N, C-alpha and C. Protein backbone atom coordinates (compact mmCIF):
# COMPACT_ATOMS: atom_id res chain seq x y z
N MET A 1 -10.36 15.92 14.01
CA MET A 1 -10.99 14.93 13.17
C MET A 1 -10.13 13.67 13.16
N ASP A 2 -10.77 12.53 13.24
CA ASP A 2 -10.07 11.26 13.24
C ASP A 2 -9.41 11.03 11.88
N PHE A 3 -8.23 10.43 11.91
CA PHE A 3 -7.46 10.22 10.68
C PHE A 3 -8.23 9.37 9.67
N PHE A 4 -8.86 8.31 10.13
CA PHE A 4 -9.56 7.43 9.20
C PHE A 4 -10.84 8.07 8.67
N VAL A 5 -11.45 8.94 9.45
CA VAL A 5 -12.61 9.69 8.95
C VAL A 5 -12.17 10.64 7.85
N MET A 6 -11.02 11.28 8.07
CA MET A 6 -10.49 12.18 7.06
C MET A 6 -10.17 11.42 5.77
N LEU A 7 -9.58 10.23 5.88
CA LEU A 7 -9.28 9.44 4.69
C LEU A 7 -10.54 9.00 3.96
N SER A 8 -11.61 8.75 4.71
CA SER A 8 -12.85 8.33 4.05
C SER A 8 -13.49 9.46 3.26
N HIS A 9 -13.14 10.71 3.57
CA HIS A 9 -13.69 11.85 2.83
C HIS A 9 -12.85 12.20 1.60
N MET A 10 -11.66 11.62 1.51
CA MET A 10 -10.79 11.90 0.37
C MET A 10 -11.17 11.03 -0.82
N GLY A 11 -10.96 11.57 -1.99
CA GLY A 11 -11.21 10.81 -3.20
C GLY A 11 -10.03 9.89 -3.52
N PRO A 12 -10.22 8.96 -4.45
CA PRO A 12 -9.14 8.04 -4.79
C PRO A 12 -7.91 8.73 -5.36
N ALA A 13 -8.10 9.80 -6.11
CA ALA A 13 -6.95 10.51 -6.69
C ALA A 13 -6.10 11.14 -5.60
N ALA A 14 -6.72 11.70 -4.58
CA ALA A 14 -5.97 12.30 -3.47
C ALA A 14 -5.22 11.24 -2.67
N ILE A 15 -5.85 10.10 -2.47
CA ILE A 15 -5.18 9.03 -1.73
C ILE A 15 -3.98 8.50 -2.51
N VAL A 16 -4.14 8.28 -3.81
CA VAL A 16 -3.02 7.82 -4.64
C VAL A 16 -1.92 8.87 -4.66
N SER A 17 -2.29 10.13 -4.75
CA SER A 17 -1.30 11.21 -4.73
C SER A 17 -0.49 11.20 -3.44
N MET A 18 -1.15 10.97 -2.33
CA MET A 18 -0.44 10.94 -1.06
C MET A 18 0.41 9.68 -0.90
N LEU A 19 -0.06 8.56 -1.44
CA LEU A 19 0.75 7.33 -1.38
C LEU A 19 2.01 7.48 -2.22
N VAL A 20 1.89 8.05 -3.41
CA VAL A 20 3.06 8.27 -4.26
C VAL A 20 4.01 9.26 -3.58
N SER A 21 3.46 10.23 -2.87
CA SER A 21 4.29 11.21 -2.19
C SER A 21 5.07 10.62 -1.02
N ALA A 22 4.61 9.50 -0.50
CA ALA A 22 5.31 8.85 0.62
C ALA A 22 6.45 7.96 0.14
N LEU A 23 6.51 7.66 -1.15
CA LEU A 23 7.58 6.79 -1.67
C LEU A 23 8.99 7.35 -1.44
N PRO A 24 9.23 8.65 -1.64
CA PRO A 24 10.58 9.15 -1.37
C PRO A 24 10.97 9.02 0.11
N LEU A 25 9.98 9.10 0.98
CA LEU A 25 10.27 8.94 2.41
C LEU A 25 10.79 7.53 2.68
N ALA A 26 10.16 6.53 2.07
CA ALA A 26 10.62 5.15 2.23
C ALA A 26 12.00 4.96 1.60
N ALA A 27 12.19 5.53 0.42
CA ALA A 27 13.49 5.39 -0.25
C ALA A 27 14.59 6.11 0.52
N GLY A 28 14.28 7.28 1.07
CA GLY A 28 15.26 8.00 1.88
C GLY A 28 15.60 7.26 3.16
N GLY A 29 14.59 6.63 3.77
CA GLY A 29 14.85 5.83 4.96
C GLY A 29 15.72 4.63 4.67
N LEU A 30 15.48 3.98 3.52
CA LEU A 30 16.35 2.86 3.13
C LEU A 30 17.78 3.32 2.91
N TYR A 31 17.94 4.47 2.27
CA TYR A 31 19.29 4.99 2.03
C TYR A 31 19.97 5.38 3.34
N LEU A 32 19.20 5.87 4.29
CA LEU A 32 19.77 6.26 5.58
C LEU A 32 20.42 5.06 6.28
N PHE A 33 19.74 3.92 6.25
CA PHE A 33 20.23 2.76 6.99
C PHE A 33 21.20 1.90 6.18
N ALA A 34 21.11 1.94 4.87
CA ALA A 34 22.01 1.15 4.02
C ALA A 34 22.33 1.95 2.76
N PRO A 35 23.25 2.94 2.87
CA PRO A 35 23.53 3.81 1.72
C PRO A 35 24.28 3.06 0.61
N THR A 36 23.65 3.02 -0.55
CA THR A 36 24.30 2.50 -1.76
C THR A 36 24.06 3.48 -2.89
N GLU A 37 24.88 3.38 -3.90
CA GLU A 37 24.76 4.27 -5.05
C GLU A 37 23.44 4.03 -5.79
N ARG A 38 23.01 2.80 -5.82
CA ARG A 38 21.75 2.45 -6.51
C ARG A 38 20.55 3.10 -5.82
N ARG A 39 20.53 3.09 -4.50
CA ARG A 39 19.41 3.71 -3.76
C ARG A 39 19.43 5.23 -3.90
N LEU A 40 20.63 5.78 -3.96
CA LEU A 40 20.73 7.23 -4.17
C LEU A 40 20.23 7.60 -5.56
N ALA A 41 20.54 6.79 -6.56
CA ALA A 41 20.07 7.06 -7.92
C ALA A 41 18.56 6.94 -8.02
N LEU A 42 17.96 6.13 -7.18
CA LEU A 42 16.50 5.96 -7.20
C LEU A 42 15.78 7.17 -6.61
N MET A 43 16.45 7.94 -5.78
CA MET A 43 15.80 9.08 -5.12
C MET A 43 15.32 10.14 -6.11
N ARG A 44 16.08 10.37 -7.16
CA ARG A 44 15.71 11.43 -8.11
C ARG A 44 14.39 11.15 -8.82
N PRO A 45 14.21 9.99 -9.47
CA PRO A 45 12.92 9.76 -10.13
C PRO A 45 11.75 9.62 -9.16
N VAL A 46 12.02 9.06 -7.99
CA VAL A 46 10.94 8.92 -7.01
C VAL A 46 10.53 10.31 -6.48
N SER A 47 11.50 11.19 -6.31
CA SER A 47 11.20 12.56 -5.88
C SER A 47 10.41 13.31 -6.94
N LEU A 48 10.77 13.14 -8.19
CA LEU A 48 10.03 13.78 -9.27
C LEU A 48 8.60 13.26 -9.32
N ALA A 49 8.43 11.95 -9.13
CA ALA A 49 7.08 11.38 -9.12
C ALA A 49 6.25 11.99 -7.99
N ALA A 50 6.88 12.20 -6.82
CA ALA A 50 6.16 12.79 -5.69
C ALA A 50 5.78 14.25 -5.98
N ILE A 51 6.67 14.98 -6.61
CA ILE A 51 6.36 16.37 -6.95
C ILE A 51 5.19 16.44 -7.93
N PHE A 52 5.23 15.59 -8.95
CA PHE A 52 4.14 15.60 -9.93
C PHE A 52 2.84 15.11 -9.32
N ALA A 53 2.91 14.14 -8.43
CA ALA A 53 1.70 13.66 -7.75
C ALA A 53 1.11 14.76 -6.88
N ALA A 54 1.97 15.52 -6.20
CA ALA A 54 1.49 16.61 -5.36
C ALA A 54 0.82 17.70 -6.19
N LEU A 55 1.45 18.05 -7.30
CA LEU A 55 0.86 19.08 -8.17
C LEU A 55 -0.45 18.59 -8.78
N SER A 56 -0.48 17.32 -9.15
CA SER A 56 -1.70 16.76 -9.71
C SER A 56 -2.83 16.74 -8.68
N GLY A 57 -2.53 16.27 -7.48
CA GLY A 57 -3.56 16.22 -6.43
C GLY A 57 -4.06 17.60 -6.04
N THR A 58 -3.15 18.56 -5.97
CA THR A 58 -3.54 19.92 -5.61
C THR A 58 -4.39 20.56 -6.70
N SER A 59 -3.96 20.40 -7.95
CA SER A 59 -4.74 21.00 -9.04
C SER A 59 -6.11 20.33 -9.16
N LEU A 60 -6.19 19.03 -8.94
CA LEU A 60 -7.48 18.35 -8.96
C LEU A 60 -8.39 18.86 -7.84
N GLY A 61 -7.81 19.12 -6.67
CA GLY A 61 -8.59 19.68 -5.57
C GLY A 61 -9.14 21.06 -5.91
N PHE A 62 -8.32 21.88 -6.55
CA PHE A 62 -8.79 23.21 -6.95
C PHE A 62 -9.85 23.12 -8.06
N ILE A 63 -9.68 22.16 -8.96
CA ILE A 63 -10.69 21.97 -10.00
C ILE A 63 -12.03 21.62 -9.36
N ASN A 64 -12.01 20.71 -8.41
CA ASN A 64 -13.26 20.33 -7.74
C ASN A 64 -13.84 21.48 -6.93
N THR A 65 -12.98 22.29 -6.32
CA THR A 65 -13.46 23.45 -5.57
C THR A 65 -14.12 24.46 -6.51
N LEU A 66 -13.48 24.74 -7.63
CA LEU A 66 -14.06 25.68 -8.59
C LEU A 66 -15.36 25.13 -9.19
N ARG A 67 -15.40 23.83 -9.41
CA ARG A 67 -16.61 23.20 -9.93
C ARG A 67 -17.76 23.33 -8.94
N GLY A 68 -17.43 23.27 -7.66
CA GLY A 68 -18.45 23.41 -6.63
C GLY A 68 -19.03 24.81 -6.52
N MET A 69 -18.36 25.79 -7.12
CA MET A 69 -18.87 27.16 -7.08
C MET A 69 -20.09 27.34 -7.97
N TRP A 70 -20.29 26.45 -8.94
CA TRP A 70 -21.33 26.65 -9.93
C TRP A 70 -22.61 25.89 -9.62
N VAL A 71 -22.72 25.32 -8.43
CA VAL A 71 -23.94 24.60 -8.08
C VAL A 71 -25.04 25.60 -7.73
N GLU A 72 -26.25 25.16 -7.86
CA GLU A 72 -27.40 26.00 -7.49
C GLU A 72 -28.03 25.44 -6.22
N PRO A 73 -28.28 26.16 -5.22
CA PRO A 73 -27.93 27.56 -5.00
C PRO A 73 -26.44 27.71 -4.74
N PRO A 74 -25.87 28.89 -5.00
CA PRO A 74 -24.43 29.08 -4.82
C PRO A 74 -24.00 28.82 -3.38
N ARG A 75 -22.82 28.28 -3.24
CA ARG A 75 -22.28 27.99 -1.91
C ARG A 75 -21.71 29.25 -1.29
N GLU A 76 -21.63 29.22 0.04
CA GLU A 76 -21.04 30.35 0.76
C GLU A 76 -19.54 30.41 0.48
N PHE A 77 -18.98 31.59 0.64
CA PHE A 77 -17.55 31.78 0.44
C PHE A 77 -16.76 30.95 1.45
N ARG A 78 -17.28 30.79 2.64
CA ARG A 78 -16.59 30.03 3.68
C ARG A 78 -16.38 28.58 3.25
N ILE A 79 -17.37 27.99 2.63
CA ILE A 79 -17.27 26.60 2.16
C ILE A 79 -16.23 26.50 1.04
N ILE A 80 -16.20 27.49 0.17
CA ILE A 80 -15.22 27.50 -0.93
C ILE A 80 -13.81 27.66 -0.37
N ALA A 81 -13.65 28.49 0.65
CA ALA A 81 -12.34 28.66 1.27
C ALA A 81 -11.87 27.38 1.94
N ILE A 82 -12.78 26.64 2.55
CA ILE A 82 -12.42 25.36 3.16
C ILE A 82 -11.98 24.38 2.09
N GLY A 83 -12.68 24.34 0.96
CA GLY A 83 -12.30 23.46 -0.15
C GLY A 83 -10.93 23.81 -0.70
N ALA A 84 -10.65 25.10 -0.82
CA ALA A 84 -9.33 25.53 -1.30
C ALA A 84 -8.23 25.14 -0.32
N ALA A 85 -8.51 25.26 0.97
CA ALA A 85 -7.52 24.87 1.98
C ALA A 85 -7.28 23.36 1.96
N GLU A 86 -8.35 22.59 1.80
CA GLU A 86 -8.20 21.14 1.73
C GLU A 86 -7.45 20.71 0.47
N SER A 87 -7.52 21.51 -0.57
CA SER A 87 -6.80 21.19 -1.79
C SER A 87 -5.29 21.25 -1.59
N LEU A 88 -4.85 22.04 -0.64
CA LEU A 88 -3.42 22.20 -0.39
C LEU A 88 -2.84 21.10 0.48
N VAL A 89 -3.67 20.22 1.03
CA VAL A 89 -3.18 19.17 1.92
C VAL A 89 -2.21 18.24 1.20
N THR A 90 -2.54 17.82 -0.02
CA THR A 90 -1.65 16.91 -0.74
C THR A 90 -0.30 17.55 -1.03
N LEU A 91 -0.30 18.84 -1.33
CA LEU A 91 0.95 19.55 -1.59
C LEU A 91 1.79 19.63 -0.32
N TYR A 92 1.16 19.98 0.79
CA TYR A 92 1.87 20.06 2.07
C TYR A 92 2.43 18.69 2.46
N PHE A 93 1.63 17.65 2.33
CA PHE A 93 2.07 16.31 2.70
C PHE A 93 3.25 15.87 1.84
N ALA A 94 3.16 16.10 0.54
CA ALA A 94 4.23 15.67 -0.37
C ALA A 94 5.54 16.39 -0.07
N PHE A 95 5.49 17.69 0.11
CA PHE A 95 6.73 18.42 0.35
C PHE A 95 7.29 18.15 1.74
N SER A 96 6.44 17.82 2.69
CA SER A 96 6.94 17.40 4.01
C SER A 96 7.67 16.06 3.90
N CYS A 97 7.08 15.13 3.15
CA CYS A 97 7.74 13.84 2.95
C CYS A 97 9.06 14.01 2.20
N LEU A 98 9.07 14.87 1.19
CA LEU A 98 10.31 15.11 0.44
C LEU A 98 11.39 15.75 1.33
N MET A 99 11.00 16.66 2.19
CA MET A 99 11.96 17.29 3.08
C MET A 99 12.61 16.26 4.00
N ILE A 100 11.80 15.42 4.61
CA ILE A 100 12.34 14.40 5.52
C ILE A 100 13.18 13.39 4.75
N ALA A 101 12.72 13.01 3.56
CA ALA A 101 13.45 12.04 2.75
C ALA A 101 14.84 12.55 2.38
N TRP A 102 14.92 13.81 1.97
CA TRP A 102 16.23 14.33 1.58
C TRP A 102 17.12 14.62 2.79
N LEU A 103 16.54 14.87 3.94
CA LEU A 103 17.35 14.95 5.15
C LEU A 103 17.93 13.58 5.49
N CYS A 104 17.14 12.53 5.29
CA CYS A 104 17.65 11.16 5.48
C CYS A 104 18.79 10.87 4.51
N VAL A 105 18.66 11.32 3.28
CA VAL A 105 19.72 11.12 2.29
C VAL A 105 20.98 11.87 2.71
N ALA A 106 20.82 13.09 3.21
CA ALA A 106 21.99 13.86 3.65
C ALA A 106 22.72 13.16 4.78
N VAL A 107 21.98 12.64 5.74
CA VAL A 107 22.60 11.92 6.84
C VAL A 107 23.23 10.61 6.32
N GLY A 108 22.53 9.95 5.41
CA GLY A 108 23.06 8.72 4.83
C GLY A 108 24.34 8.96 4.04
N MET A 109 24.42 10.09 3.35
CA MET A 109 25.65 10.42 2.61
C MET A 109 26.81 10.65 3.57
N ARG A 110 26.52 11.26 4.68
CA ARG A 110 27.56 11.47 5.69
C ARG A 110 28.04 10.13 6.25
N ARG A 111 27.09 9.23 6.48
CA ARG A 111 27.45 7.90 7.00
C ARG A 111 28.23 7.10 5.96
N ALA A 112 27.90 7.29 4.67
CA ALA A 112 28.58 6.55 3.60
C ALA A 112 30.04 6.98 3.47
N ARG A 113 30.35 8.22 3.80
CA ARG A 113 31.72 8.72 3.71
C ARG A 113 32.59 8.23 4.86
N GLU A 114 31.97 7.89 5.96
CA GLU A 114 32.75 7.46 7.14
C GLU A 114 33.17 6.04 7.05
């Protein structure tokens, strides 16, 4: 599936959740290339915001999936399983960004000591 087609199927809450989740990646990249104490201090609140955005986006996806179970006529289990899997995309994206961001911080800390 094309990336932009996938984005057009996402709701505004999922898009905002993913944008907030990318903030630690940008902050970690900045720290990697120019490590300062101020940028390191910024990583903690930005990481927390990404975690909460991921949990919010995932729970909203599950809410919408569960809401879709009550339509008439009832949906097939396969469609519900696809909705549940799509609900996990924001969580996967956020934790992938956090992993890369904190690896950038680790490398930046090593560079700051040298």
